[in-house]
PDB file of N, CA and C in Angstrom:
ATOM      1  N   UNK A   1      14.760 -19.568  -1.578  1.00  0.00           N
ATOM      2  CA  UNK A   1      14.861 -18.804  -0.357  1.00  0.00           C
ATOM      3  C   UNK A   1      14.909 -17.326  -0.723  1.00  0.00           C
ATOM      4  N   UNK A   2      14.130 -16.538  -0.007  1.00  0.00           N
ATOM      5  CA  UNK A   2      14.189 -15.094  -0.226  1.00  0.00           C
ATOM      6  C   UNK A   2      14.842 -14.435   0.980  1.00  0.00           C
ATOM      7  N   UNK A   3      15.435 -13.290   0.721  1.00  0.00           N
ATOM      8  CA  UNK A   3      16.081 -12.519   1.785  1.00  0.00           C
ATOM      9  C   UNK A   3      15.634 -11.079   1.648  1.00  0.00           C
ATOM     10  N   UNK A   4      15.657 -10.346   2.741  1.00  0.00           N
ATOM     11  CA  UNK A   4      15.285  -8.949   2.685  1.00  0.00           C
ATOM     12  C   UNK A   4      14.913  -8.425   4.051  1.00  0.00           C
ATOM     13  N   UNK A   5      14.161  -7.329   4.049  1.00  0.00           N
ATOM     14  CA  UNK A   5      13.707  -6.753   5.304  1.00  0.00           C
ATOM     15  C   UNK A   5      12.392  -6.015   5.073  1.00  0.00           C
ATOM     16  N   UNK A   6      11.691  -5.775   6.162  1.00  0.00           N
ATOM     17  CA  UNK A   6      10.449  -5.036   6.125  1.00  0.00           C
ATOM     18  C   UNK A   6      10.483  -3.993   7.228  1.00  0.00           C
ATOM     19  N   UNK A   7       9.968  -2.804   6.917  1.00  0.00           N
ATOM     20  CA  UNK A   7       9.959  -1.692   7.855  1.00  0.00           C
ATOM     21  C   UNK A   7       8.559  -1.094   7.874  1.00  0.00           C
ATOM     22  N   UNK A   8       8.045  -0.818   9.051  1.00  0.00           N
ATOM     23  CA  UNK A   8       6.726  -0.221   9.173  1.00  0.00           C
ATOM     24  C   UNK A   8       6.742   0.795  10.309  1.00  0.00           C
ATOM     25  N   UNK A   9       6.112   1.937  10.080  1.00  0.00           N
ATOM     26  CA  UNK A   9       6.059   2.980  11.091  1.00  0.00           C
ATOM     27  C   UNK A   9       4.687   3.644  11.017  1.00  0.00           C
ATOM     28  N   UNK A  10       4.005   3.687  12.149  1.00  0.00           N
ATOM     29  CA  UNK A  10       2.695   4.329  12.240  1.00  0.00           C
ATOM     30  C   UNK A  10       2.686   5.240  13.448  1.00  0.00           C
ATOM     31  N   UNK A  11       1.928   6.318  13.356  1.00  0.00           N
ATOM     32  CA  UNK A  11       1.816   7.182  14.518  1.00  0.00           C
ATOM     33  C   UNK A  11       1.148   8.498  14.202  1.00  0.00           C
ATOM     34  N   UNK A  12       1.047   9.300  15.227  1.00  0.00           N
ATOM     35  CA  UNK A  12       0.463  10.634  15.100  1.00  0.00           C
ATOM     36  C   UNK A  12       1.572  11.677  15.015  1.00  0.00           C
ATOM     37  N   UNK A  13       1.462  12.532  14.029  1.00  0.00           N
ATOM     38  CA  UNK A  13       2.384  13.646  13.889  1.00  0.00           C
ATOM     39  C   UNK A  13       1.910  14.785  14.788  1.00  0.00           C
ATOM     40  N   UNK A  14       0.608  15.039  14.754  1.00  0.00           N
ATOM     41  CA  UNK A  14      -0.049  15.971  15.673  1.00  0.00           C
ATOM     42  C   UNK A  14      -1.292  15.261  16.197  1.00  0.00           C
ATOM     43  N   UNK A  15      -2.067  15.927  17.010  1.00  0.00           N
ATOM     44  CA  UNK A  15      -3.289  15.312  17.533  1.00  0.00           C
ATOM     45  C   UNK A  15      -4.268  14.974  16.410  1.00  0.00           C
ATOM     46  N   UNK A  16      -4.263  15.745  15.341  1.00  0.00           N
ATOM     47  CA  UNK A  16      -5.206  15.538  14.237  1.00  0.00           C
ATOM     48  C   UNK A  16      -4.606  14.835  13.024  1.00  0.00           C
ATOM     49  N   UNK A  17      -3.302  14.736  12.952  1.00  0.00           N
ATOM     50  CA  UNK A  17      -2.636  14.209  11.762  1.00  0.00           C
ATOM     51  C   UNK A  17      -1.906  12.911  12.084  1.00  0.00           C
ATOM     52  N   UNK A  18      -2.272  11.845  11.367  1.00  0.00           N
ATOM     53  CA  UNK A  18      -1.606  10.554  11.580  1.00  0.00           C
ATOM     54  C   UNK A  18      -1.044  10.043  10.263  1.00  0.00           C
ATOM     55  N   UNK A  19      -0.110   9.110  10.376  1.00  0.00           N
ATOM     56  CA  UNK A  19       0.567   8.593   9.189  1.00  0.00           C
ATOM     57  C   UNK A  19       0.893   7.112   9.354  1.00  0.00           C
ATOM     58  N   UNK A  20       1.074   6.462   8.243  1.00  0.00           N
ATOM     59  CA  UNK A  20       1.562   5.081   8.224  1.00  0.00           C
ATOM     60  C   UNK A  20       2.498   4.956   7.025  1.00  0.00           C
ATOM     61  N   UNK A  21       3.633   4.331   7.246  1.00  0.00           N
ATOM     62  CA  UNK A  21       4.609   4.083   6.193  1.00  0.00           C
ATOM     63  C   UNK A  21       5.092   2.652   6.310  1.00  0.00           C
ATOM     64  N   UNK A  22       5.164   1.952   5.185  1.00  0.00           N
ATOM     65  CA  UNK A  22       5.753   0.610   5.211  1.00  0.00           C
ATOM     66  C   UNK A  22       6.588   0.418   3.948  1.00  0.00           C
ATOM     67  N   UNK A  23       7.663  -0.324   4.109  1.00  0.00           N
ATOM     68  CA  UNK A  23       8.562  -0.607   2.995  1.00  0.00           C
ATOM     69  C   UNK A  23       9.065  -2.035   3.132  1.00  0.00           C
ATOM     70  N   UNK A  24       9.074  -2.751   2.029  1.00  0.00           N
ATOM     71  CA  UNK A  24       9.602  -4.114   1.994  1.00  0.00           C
ATOM     72  C   UNK A  24      10.623  -4.212   0.868  1.00  0.00           C
ATOM     73  N   UNK A  25      11.758  -4.815   1.175  1.00  0.00           N
ATOM     74  CA  UNK A  25      12.799  -5.084   0.187  1.00  0.00           C
ATOM     75  C   UNK A  25      13.066  -6.586   0.210  1.00  0.00           C
ATOM     76  N   UNK A  26      12.901  -7.242  -0.935  1.00  0.00           N
ATOM     77  CA  UNK A  26      13.114  -8.686  -1.025  1.00  0.00           C
ATOM     78  C   UNK A  26      14.014  -9.024  -2.202  1.00  0.00           C
ATOM     79  N   UNK A  27      14.822 -10.043  -2.025  1.00  0.00           N
ATOM     80  CA  UNK A  27      15.590 -10.598  -3.135  1.00  0.00           C
ATOM     81  C   UNK A  27      15.387 -12.101  -3.149  1.00  0.00           C
ATOM     82  N   UNK A  28      15.487 -12.664  -4.309  1.00  0.00           N
ATOM     83  CA  UNK A  28      15.394 -14.115  -4.438  1.00  0.00           C
ATOM     84  C   UNK A  28      16.736 -14.725  -4.087  1.00  0.00           C
ATOM     85  N   UNK A  29      16.717 -15.975  -3.658  1.00  0.00           N
ATOM     86  CA  UNK A  29      17.963 -16.669  -3.379  1.00  0.00           C
ATOM     87  C   UNK A  29      18.824 -16.737  -4.626  1.00  0.00           C
ATOM     88  N   UNK A  30      20.127 -16.694  -4.458  1.00  0.00           N
ATOM     89  CA  UNK A  30      21.012 -16.698  -5.620  1.00  0.00           C
ATOM     90  C   UNK A  30      21.554 -18.088  -5.918  1.00  0.00           C
ATOM     91  N   UNK A  31      20.977 -19.106  -5.316  1.00  0.00           N
ATOM     92  CA  UNK A  31      21.396 -20.479  -5.572  1.00  0.00           C
ATOM     93  C   UNK A  31      20.789 -20.937  -6.897  1.00  0.00           C
ATOM     94  N   UNK A  32      21.609 -21.154  -7.924  1.00  0.00           N
ATOM     95  CA  UNK A  32      21.092 -21.489  -9.252  1.00  0.00           C
ATOM     96  C   UNK A  32      20.393 -22.845  -9.287  1.00  0.00           C
ATOM     97  N   UNK A  33      20.642 -23.705  -8.306  1.00  0.00           N
ATOM     98  CA  UNK A  33      19.950 -25.001  -8.296  1.00  0.00           C
ATOM     99  C   UNK A  33      18.580 -24.903  -7.638  1.00  0.00           C
ATOM    100  N   UNK A  34      18.268 -23.748  -7.073  1.00  0.00           N
ATOM    101  CA  UNK A  34      16.963 -23.547  -6.445  1.00  0.00           C
ATOM    102  C   UNK A  34      15.933 -23.322  -7.541  1.00  0.00           C
ATOM    103  N   UNK A  35      14.994 -24.240  -7.723  1.00  0.00           N
ATOM    104  CA  UNK A  35      14.011 -24.141  -8.800  1.00  0.00           C
ATOM    105  C   UNK A  35      12.738 -23.431  -8.347  1.00  0.00           C
ATOM    106  N   UNK A  36      12.636 -23.103  -7.083  1.00  0.00           N
ATOM    107  CA  UNK A  36      11.428 -22.433  -6.601  1.00  0.00           C
ATOM    108  C   UNK A  36      11.422 -20.992  -7.104  1.00  0.00           C
ATOM    109  N   UNK A  37      10.312 -20.585  -7.697  1.00  0.00           N
ATOM    110  CA  UNK A  37      10.171 -19.237  -8.232  1.00  0.00           C
ATOM    111  C   UNK A  37       9.093 -18.520  -7.434  1.00  0.00           C
ATOM    112  N   UNK A  38       9.370 -17.286  -7.058  1.00  0.00           N
ATOM    113  CA  UNK A  38       8.406 -16.490  -6.313  1.00  0.00           C
ATOM    114  C   UNK A  38       7.602 -15.656  -7.304  1.00  0.00           C
ATOM    115  N   UNK A  39       6.371 -16.033  -7.495  1.00  0.00           N
ATOM    116  CA  UNK A  39       5.532 -15.369  -8.472  1.00  0.00           C
ATOM    117  C   UNK A  39       5.123 -13.985  -7.985  1.00  0.00           C
ATOM    118  N   UNK A  40       5.191 -13.032  -8.893  1.00  0.00           N
ATOM    119  CA  UNK A  40       4.685 -11.685  -8.656  1.00  0.00           C
ATOM    120  C   UNK A  40       5.293 -11.053  -7.404  1.00  0.00           C
ATOM    121  N   UNK A  41       6.556 -11.302  -7.149  1.00  0.00           N
ATOM    122  CA  UNK A  41       7.223 -10.791  -5.955  1.00  0.00           C
ATOM    123  C   UNK A  41       8.073  -9.578  -6.329  1.00  0.00           C
ATOM    124  N   UNK A  42       7.641  -8.371  -5.942  1.00  0.00           N
ATOM    125  CA  UNK A  42       8.454  -7.196  -6.262  1.00  0.00           C
ATOM    126  C   UNK A  42       9.665  -7.109  -5.343  1.00  0.00           C
ATOM    127  N   UNK A  43      10.711  -6.531  -5.849  1.00  0.00           N
ATOM    128  CA  UNK A  43      11.905  -6.308  -5.033  1.00  0.00           C
ATOM    129  C   UNK A  43      11.657  -5.183  -4.027  1.00  0.00           C
ATOM    130  N   UNK A  44      10.895  -4.170  -4.450  1.00  0.00           N
ATOM    131  CA  UNK A  44      10.570  -3.020  -3.598  1.00  0.00           C
ATOM    132  C   UNK A  44       9.065  -2.818  -3.545  1.00  0.00           C
ATOM    133  N   UNK A  45       8.551  -2.592  -2.356  1.00  0.00           N
ATOM    134  CA  UNK A  45       7.130  -2.339  -2.150  1.00  0.00           C
ATOM    135  C   UNK A  45       7.010  -1.257  -1.075  1.00  0.00           C
ATOM    136  N   UNK A  46       6.435  -0.115  -1.453  1.00  0.00           N
ATOM    137  CA  UNK A  46       6.335   1.025  -0.550  1.00  0.00           C
ATOM    138  C   UNK A  46       4.885   1.471  -0.445  1.00  0.00           C
ATOM    139  N   UNK A  47       4.411   1.726   0.764  1.00  0.00           N
ATOM    140  CA  UNK A  47       3.062   2.241   0.985  1.00  0.00           C
ATOM    141  C   UNK A  47       3.128   3.387   1.993  1.00  0.00           C
ATOM    142  N   UNK A  48       2.427   4.471   1.683  1.00  0.00           N
ATOM    143  CA  UNK A  48       2.368   5.638   2.557  1.00  0.00           C
ATOM    144  C   UNK A  48       0.931   6.121   2.637  1.00  0.00           C
ATOM    145  N   UNK A  49       0.499   6.552   3.797  1.00  0.00           N
ATOM    146  CA  UNK A  49      -0.751   7.299   3.871  1.00  0.00           C
ATOM    147  C   UNK A  49      -0.670   8.329   4.971  1.00  0.00           C
ATOM    148  N   UNK A  50      -1.460   9.371   4.772  1.00  0.00           N
ATOM    149  CA  UNK A  50      -1.523  10.496   5.689  1.00  0.00           C
ATOM    150  C   UNK A  50      -2.998  10.811   5.890  1.00  0.00           C
ATOM    151  N   UNK A  51      -3.427  10.966   7.162  1.00  0.00           N
ATOM    152  CA  UNK A  51      -4.839  11.185   7.462  1.00  0.00           C
ATOM    153  C   UNK A  51      -4.995  12.347   8.438  1.00  0.00           C
ATOM    154  N   UNK A  52      -5.960  13.234   8.139  1.00  0.00           N
ATOM    155  CA  UNK A  52      -6.221  14.393   8.982  1.00  0.00           C
ATOM    156  C   UNK A  52      -7.649  14.323   9.509  1.00  0.00           C
ATOM    157  N   UNK A  53      -7.825  14.485  10.815  1.00  0.00           N
ATOM    158  CA  UNK A  53      -9.142  14.446  11.451  1.00  0.00           C
ATOM    159  C   UNK A  53      -9.583  15.868  11.764  1.00  0.00           C
ATOM    160  N   UNK A  54     -10.748  16.252  11.228  1.00  0.00           N
ATOM    161  CA  UNK A  54     -11.316  17.572  11.488  1.00  0.00           C
ATOM    162  C   UNK A  54     -11.993  17.531  12.859  1.00  0.00           C
ATOM    163  N   UNK A  55     -11.676  18.491  13.715  1.00  0.00           N
ATOM    164  CA  UNK A  55     -12.157  18.431  15.104  1.00  0.00           C
ATOM    165  C   UNK A  55     -13.133  19.544  15.479  1.00  0.00           C
ATOM    166  N   UNK A  56     -13.506  20.402  14.528  1.00  0.00           N
ATOM    167  CA  UNK A  56     -14.485  21.436  14.851  1.00  0.00           C
ATOM    168  C   UNK A  56     -15.246  21.838  13.592  1.00  0.00           C
ATOM    169  N   UNK A  57     -16.359  22.517  13.793  1.00  0.00           N
ATOM    170  CA  UNK A  57     -17.154  22.990  12.666  1.00  0.00           C
ATOM    171  C   UNK A  57     -18.145  21.954  12.182  1.00  0.00           C
ATOM    172  N   UNK A  58     -18.790  22.243  11.052  1.00  0.00           N
ATOM    173  CA  UNK A  58     -19.838  21.337  10.546  1.00  0.00           C
ATOM    174  C   UNK A  58     -19.305  19.973  10.082  1.00  0.00           C
ATOM    175  N   UNK A  59     -18.046  19.877   9.797  1.00  0.00           N
ATOM    176  CA  UNK A  59     -17.457  18.598   9.350  1.00  0.00           C
ATOM    177  C   UNK A  59     -16.702  17.890  10.473  1.00  0.00           C
ATOM    178  N   UNK A  60     -16.982  18.270  11.713  1.00  0.00           N
ATOM    179  CA  UNK A  60     -16.313  17.666  12.863  1.00  0.00           C
ATOM    180  C   UNK A  60     -16.394  16.143  12.799  1.00  0.00           C
ATOM    181  N   UNK A  61     -15.298  15.492  13.113  1.00  0.00           N
ATOM    182  CA  UNK A  61     -15.119  14.035  13.107  1.00  0.00           C
ATOM    183  C   UNK A  61     -14.810  13.463  11.723  1.00  0.00           C
ATOM    184  N   UNK A  62     -14.968  14.260  10.670  1.00  0.00           N
ATOM    185  CA  UNK A  62     -14.628  13.763   9.334  1.00  0.00           C
ATOM    186  C   UNK A  62     -13.112  13.633   9.236  1.00  0.00           C
ATOM    187  N   UNK A  63     -12.671  12.603   8.530  1.00  0.00           N
ATOM    188  CA  UNK A  63     -11.247  12.401   8.278  1.00  0.00           C
ATOM    189  C   UNK A  63     -11.011  12.425   6.781  1.00  0.00           C
ATOM    190  N   UNK A  64      -9.961  13.116   6.377  1.00  0.00           N
ATOM    191  CA  UNK A  64      -9.576  13.171   4.969  1.00  0.00           C
ATOM    192  C   UNK A  64      -8.130  12.718   4.869  1.00  0.00           C
ATOM    193  N   UNK A  65      -7.793  12.114   3.747  1.00  0.00           N
ATOM    194  CA  UNK A  65      -6.429  11.630   3.645  1.00  0.00           C
ATOM    195  C   UNK A  65      -5.990  11.337   2.233  1.00  0.00           C
ATOM    196  N   UNK A  66      -4.747  10.952   2.163  1.00  0.00           N
ATOM    197  CA  UNK A  66      -4.137  10.608   0.888  1.00  0.00           C
ATOM    198  C   UNK A  66      -3.276   9.361   1.069  1.00  0.00           C
ATOM    199  N   UNK A  67      -3.101   8.626  -0.019  1.00  0.00           N
ATOM    200  CA  UNK A  67      -2.283   7.413   0.035  1.00  0.00           C
ATOM    201  C   UNK A  67      -1.402   7.335  -1.207  1.00  0.00           C
ATOM    202  N   UNK A  68      -0.342   6.562  -1.076  1.00  0.00           N
ATOM    203  CA  UNK A  68       0.586   6.354  -2.194  1.00  0.00           C
ATOM    204  C   UNK A  68       1.121   4.929  -2.098  1.00  0.00           C
ATOM    205  N   UNK A  69       1.177   4.250  -3.230  1.00  0.00           N
ATOM    206  CA  UNK A  69       1.683   2.875  -3.282  1.00  0.00           C
ATOM    207  C   UNK A  69       2.636   2.762  -4.459  1.00  0.00           C
ATOM    208  N   UNK A  70       3.821   2.181  -4.217  1.00  0.00           N
ATOM    209  CA  UNK A  70       4.795   1.909  -5.273  1.00  0.00           C
ATOM    210  C   UNK A  70       5.156   0.431  -5.216  1.00  0.00           C
ATOM    211  N   UNK A  71       5.161  -0.215  -6.377  1.00  0.00           N
ATOM    212  CA  UNK A  71       5.574  -1.618  -6.494  1.00  0.00           C
ATOM    213  C   UNK A  71       6.551  -1.704  -7.657  1.00  0.00           C
ATOM    214  N   UNK A  72       7.733  -2.274  -7.412  1.00  0.00           N
ATOM    215  CA  UNK A  72       8.724  -2.406  -8.481  1.00  0.00           C
ATOM    216  C   UNK A  72       8.341  -3.549  -9.423  1.00  0.00           C
ATOM    217  N   UNK A  73       9.081  -3.674 -10.523  1.00  0.00           N
ATOM    218  CA  UNK A  73       8.763  -4.704 -11.525  1.00  0.00           C
ATOM    219  C   UNK A  73       8.819  -6.097 -10.900  1.00  0.00           C
ATOM    220  N   UNK A  74       8.044  -7.011 -11.483  1.00  0.00           N
ATOM    221  CA  UNK A  74       7.972  -8.385 -10.982  1.00  0.00           C
ATOM    222  C   UNK A  74       8.149  -9.368 -12.128  1.00  0.00           C
ATOM    223  N   UNK A  75       8.800 -10.474 -11.845  1.00  0.00           N
ATOM    224  CA  UNK A  75       8.952 -11.533 -12.845  1.00  0.00           C
ATOM    225  C   UNK A  75       7.609 -12.209 -13.095  1.00  0.00           C
ATOM    226  N   UNK A  76       7.386 -12.541 -14.350  1.00  0.00           N
ATOM    227  CA  UNK A  76       6.187 -13.275 -14.718  1.00  0.00           C
ATOM    228  C   UNK A  76       6.539 -14.752 -14.774  1.00  0.00           C
ATOM    229  N   UNK A  77       5.662 -15.573 -14.241  1.00  0.00           N
ATOM    230  CA  UNK A  77       5.859 -17.019 -14.310  1.00  0.00           C
ATOM    231  C   UNK A  77       4.643 -17.654 -14.957  1.00  0.00           C
ATOM    232  N   UNK A  78       4.856 -18.841 -15.470  1.00  0.00           N
ATOM    233  CA  UNK A  78       3.756 -19.618 -16.033  1.00  0.00           C
ATOM    234  C   UNK A  78       3.758 -20.969 -15.348  1.00  0.00           C
ATOM    235  N   UNK A  79       2.704 -21.227 -14.589  1.00  0.00           N
ATOM    236  CA  UNK A  79       2.579 -22.468 -13.816  1.00  0.00           C
ATOM    237  C   UNK A  79       3.802 -22.720 -12.946  1.00  0.00           C
ATOM    238  N   UNK A  80       4.290 -21.643 -12.326  1.00  0.00           N
ATOM    239  CA  UNK A  80       5.400 -21.755 -11.395  1.00  0.00           C
ATOM    240  C   UNK A  80       6.775 -21.785 -12.028  1.00  0.00           C
ATOM    241  N   UNK A  81       6.860 -21.673 -13.363  1.00  0.00           N
ATOM    242  CA  UNK A  81       8.161 -21.721 -14.038  1.00  0.00           C
ATOM    243  C   UNK A  81       8.553 -20.320 -14.496  1.00  0.00           C
ATOM    244  N   UNK A  82       9.777 -19.966 -14.235  1.00  0.00           N
ATOM    245  CA  UNK A  82      10.325 -18.687 -14.668  1.00  0.00           C
ATOM    246  C   UNK A  82      10.458 -18.711 -16.180  1.00  0.00           C
ATOM    247  N   UNK A  83       9.981 -17.670 -16.853  1.00  0.00           N
ATOM    248  CA  UNK A  83      10.009 -17.657 -18.315  1.00  0.00           C
ATOM    249  C   UNK A  83      11.320 -17.090 -18.843  1.00  0.00           C
ATOM    250  N   UNK A  84      11.593 -15.841 -18.593  1.00  0.00           N
ATOM    251  CA  UNK A  84      12.858 -15.213 -18.981  1.00  0.00           C
ATOM    252  C   UNK A  84      12.834 -13.772 -18.501  1.00  0.00           C
ATOM    253  N   UNK A  85      13.944 -13.081 -18.664  1.00  0.00           N
ATOM    254  CA  UNK A  85      14.013 -11.677 -18.272  1.00  0.00           C
ATOM    255  C   UNK A  85      13.114 -10.796 -19.138  1.00  0.00           C
ATOM    256  N   UNK A  86      12.654 -11.337 -20.285  1.00  0.00           N
ATOM    257  CA  UNK A  86      11.801 -10.560 -21.182  1.00  0.00           C
ATOM    258  C   UNK A  86      10.360 -10.462 -20.684  1.00  0.00           C
ATOM    259  N   UNK A  87       9.971 -11.305 -19.735  1.00  0.00           N
ATOM    260  CA  UNK A  87       8.601 -11.327 -19.236  1.00  0.00           C
ATOM    261  C   UNK A  87       8.554 -10.770 -17.823  1.00  0.00           C
ATOM    262  N   UNK A  88       8.239  -9.495 -17.719  1.00  0.00           N
ATOM    263  CA  UNK A  88       8.129  -8.848 -16.409  1.00  0.00           C
ATOM    264  C   UNK A  88       6.877  -7.976 -16.373  1.00  0.00           C
ATOM    265  N   UNK A  89       6.318  -7.855 -15.193  1.00  0.00           N
ATOM    266  CA  UNK A  89       5.255  -6.878 -14.984  1.00  0.00           C
ATOM    267  C   UNK A  89       5.942  -5.577 -14.599  1.00  0.00           C
ATOM    268  N   UNK A  90       5.583  -4.469 -15.222  1.00  0.00           N
ATOM    269  CA  UNK A  90       6.295  -3.214 -14.973  1.00  0.00           C
ATOM    270  C   UNK A  90       6.019  -2.651 -13.577  1.00  0.00           C
ATOM    271  N   UNK A  91       6.898  -1.782 -13.142  1.00  0.00           N
ATOM    272  CA  UNK A  91       6.691  -1.096 -11.872  1.00  0.00           C
ATOM    273  C   UNK A  91       5.492  -0.159 -12.018  1.00  0.00           C
ATOM    274  N   UNK A  92       4.880   0.186 -10.886  1.00  0.00           N
ATOM    275  CA  UNK A  92       3.775   1.137 -10.933  1.00  0.00           C
ATOM    276  C   UNK A  92       3.678   1.908  -9.622  1.00  0.00           C
ATOM    277  N   UNK A  93       3.048   3.063  -9.724  1.00  0.00           N
ATOM    278  CA  UNK A  93       2.743   3.907  -8.574  1.00  0.00           C
ATOM    279  C   UNK A  93       1.279   4.300  -8.652  1.00  0.00           C
ATOM    280  N   UNK A  94       0.613   4.325  -7.511  1.00  0.00           N
ATOM    281  CA  UNK A  94      -0.796   4.706  -7.462  1.00  0.00           C
ATOM    282  C   UNK A  94      -0.996   5.671  -6.301  1.00  0.00           C
ATOM    283  N   UNK A  95      -1.641   6.794  -6.583  1.00  0.00           N
ATOM    284  CA  UNK A  95      -1.979   7.764  -5.537  1.00  0.00           C
ATOM    285  C   UNK A  95      -3.483   7.734  -5.316  1.00  0.00           C
ATOM    286  N   UNK A  96      -3.889   7.960  -4.088  1.00  0.00           N
ATOM    287  CA  UNK A  96      -5.309   7.935  -3.773  1.00  0.00           C
ATOM    288  C   UNK A  96      -5.700   9.016  -2.783  1.00  0.00           C
ATOM    289  N   UNK A  97      -7.000   9.257  -2.718  1.00  0.00           N
ATOM    290  CA  UNK A  97      -7.593  10.182  -1.759  1.00  0.00           C
ATOM    291  C   UNK A  97      -8.747   9.476  -1.067  1.00  0.00           C
ATOM    292  N   UNK A  98      -9.032   9.870   0.161  1.00  0.00           N
ATOM    293  CA  UNK A  98     -10.194   9.281   0.831  1.00  0.00           C
ATOM    294  C   UNK A  98     -10.811  10.259   1.816  1.00  0.00           C
ATOM    295  N   UNK A  99     -12.092  10.041   2.063  1.00  0.00           N
ATOM    296  CA  UNK A  99     -12.869  10.782   3.063  1.00  0.00           C
ATOM    297  C   UNK A  99     -13.589   9.743   3.902  1.00  0.00           C
ATOM    298  N   UNK A 100     -13.573   9.936   5.214  1.00  0.00           N
ATOM    299  CA  UNK A 100     -14.229   8.996   6.115  1.00  0.00           C
ATOM    300  C   UNK A 100     -15.041   9.778   7.140  1.00  0.00           C
ATOM    301  N   UNK A 101     -16.270   9.291   7.399  1.00  0.00           N
ATOM    302  CA  UNK A 101     -17.123   9.970   8.367  1.00  0.00           C
ATOM    303  C   UNK A 101     -17.816   8.934   9.251  1.00  0.00           C
ATOM    304  N   UNK A 102     -17.633   9.044  10.573  1.00  0.00           N
ATOM    305  CA  UNK A 102     -18.309   8.111  11.486  1.00  0.00           C
ATOM    306  C   UNK A 102     -19.724   8.600  11.808  1.00  0.00           C
ATOM    307  N   UNK A 103     -20.645   7.658  11.958  1.00  0.00           N
ATOM    308  CA  UNK A 103     -21.998   8.027  12.360  1.00  0.00           C
ATOM    309  C   UNK A 103     -22.628   6.874  13.134  1.00  0.00           C
ATOM    310  N   UNK A 104     -23.734   7.175  13.792  1.00  0.00           N
ATOM    311  CA  UNK A 104     -24.429   6.175  14.599  1.00  0.00           C
ATOM    312  C   UNK A 104     -25.883   6.063  14.150  1.00  0.00           C
ATOM    313  N   UNK A 105     -26.386   4.855  14.169  1.00  0.00           N
ATOM    314  CA  UNK A 105     -27.805   4.583  13.988  1.00  0.00           C
ATOM    315  C   UNK A 105     -28.227   3.792  15.214  1.00  0.00           C
ATOM    316  N   UNK A 106     -29.026   4.406  16.013  1.00  0.00           N
ATOM    317  CA  UNK A 106     -29.412   3.874  17.319  1.00  0.00           C
ATOM    318  C   UNK A 106     -28.149   3.595  18.127  1.00  0.00           C
ATOM    319  N   UNK A 107     -27.871   2.344  18.475  1.00  0.00           N
ATOM    320  CA  UNK A 107     -26.696   2.024  19.298  1.00  0.00           C
ATOM    321  C   UNK A 107     -25.523   1.489  18.478  1.00  0.00           C
ATOM    322  N   UNK A 108     -25.687   1.436  17.168  1.00  0.00           N
ATOM    323  CA  UNK A 108     -24.635   0.885  16.305  1.00  0.00           C
ATOM    324  C   UNK A 108     -23.802   1.996  15.684  1.00  0.00           C
ATOM    325  N   UNK A 109     -22.493   1.789  15.647  1.00  0.00           N
ATOM    326  CA  UNK A 109     -21.567   2.761  15.048  1.00  0.00           C
ATOM    327  C   UNK A 109     -21.110   2.274  13.676  1.00  0.00           C
ATOM    328  N   UNK A 110     -20.991   3.203  12.733  1.00  0.00           N
ATOM    329  CA  UNK A 110     -20.573   2.894  11.368  1.00  0.00           C
ATOM    330  C   UNK A 110     -19.578   3.942  10.896  1.00  0.00           C
ATOM    331  N   UNK A 111     -18.792   3.582   9.905  1.00  0.00           N
ATOM    332  CA  UNK A 111     -17.912   4.520   9.213  1.00  0.00           C
ATOM    333  C   UNK A 111     -18.276   4.496   7.736  1.00  0.00           C
ATOM    334  N   UNK A 112     -18.560   5.647   7.192  1.00  0.00           N
ATOM    335  CA  UNK A 112     -18.810   5.784   5.762  1.00  0.00           C
ATOM    336  C   UNK A 112     -17.513   6.284   5.142  1.00  0.00           C
ATOM    337  N   UNK A 113     -17.004   5.557   4.151  1.00  0.00           N
ATOM    338  CA  UNK A 113     -15.716   5.908   3.571  1.00  0.00           C
ATOM    339  C   UNK A 113     -15.811   5.930   2.052  1.00  0.00           C
ATOM    340  N   UNK A 114     -15.258   6.974   1.468  1.00  0.00           N
ATOM    341  CA  UNK A 114     -15.187   7.107   0.019  1.00  0.00           C
ATOM    342  C   UNK A 114     -13.724   7.128  -0.375  1.00  0.00           C
ATOM    343  N   UNK A 115     -13.321   6.197  -1.230  1.00  0.00           N
ATOM    344  CA  UNK A 115     -11.940   6.116  -1.733  1.00  0.00           C
ATOM    345  C   UNK A 115     -11.911   6.469  -3.217  1.00  0.00           C
ATOM    346  N   UNK A 116     -10.940   7.240  -3.594  1.00  0.00           N
ATOM    347  CA  UNK A 116     -10.672   7.501  -5.003  1.00  0.00           C
ATOM    348  C   UNK A 116      -9.237   7.047  -5.241  1.00  0.00           C
ATOM    349  N   UNK A 117      -9.080   5.943  -5.958  1.00  0.00           N
ATOM    350  CA  UNK A 117      -7.751   5.406  -6.232  1.00  0.00           C
ATOM    351  C   UNK A 117      -7.301   5.824  -7.638  1.00  0.00           C
ATOM    352  N   UNK A 118      -6.008   5.759  -7.846  1.00  0.00           N
ATOM    353  CA  UNK A 118      -5.396   6.096  -9.136  1.00  0.00           C
ATOM    354  C   UNK A 118      -5.779   7.505  -9.568  1.00  0.00           C
ATOM    355  N   UNK A 119      -5.611   8.457  -8.674  1.00  0.00           N
ATOM    356  CA  UNK A 119      -6.016   9.844  -8.884  1.00  0.00           C
ATOM    357  C   UNK A 119      -5.400  10.435 -10.142  1.00  0.00           C
ATOM    358  N   UNK A 120      -4.155  10.110 -10.441  1.00  0.00           N
ATOM    359  CA  UNK A 120      -3.454  10.688 -11.585  1.00  0.00           C
ATOM    360  C   UNK A 120      -3.550   9.819 -12.841  1.00  0.00           C
ATOM    361  N   UNK A 121      -4.320   8.714 -12.746  1.00  0.00           N
ATOM    362  CA  UNK A 121      -4.560   7.818 -13.889  1.00  0.00           C
ATOM    363  C   UNK A 121      -3.261   7.363 -14.540  1.00  0.00           C
ATOM    364  N   UNK A 122      -2.321   6.895 -13.710  1.00  0.00           N
ATOM    365  CA  UNK A 122      -1.035   6.404 -14.228  1.00  0.00           C
ATOM    366  C   UNK A 122      -0.819   4.989 -13.779  1.00  0.00           C
TER     367      UNK A 122
END
């Protein structure tokens, strides 16, 4: 059995600036007779993004943004069995950038999006 909570918040800060934030905190059950192991389950998981929509000029309608993801360390399992405290996947953080541009071809609408993940190569 796992316990924890999840929080998510999305919205517009201004007419052109929007954001999304989510956070999850989980713990495994503390019952020692519970043999079920949650594979690759981080205790903390955080995601943030911020997006700005350009509303005038030659880049009108283009959206630019940034993202951030943090995942805490996770236990490693082998075929569903917990190995030991020595086998963990380390925590990591990833930052990203993106550009998005909507366009139309005849009556169909499309979004062209370019993502650059792991901007800081960490």
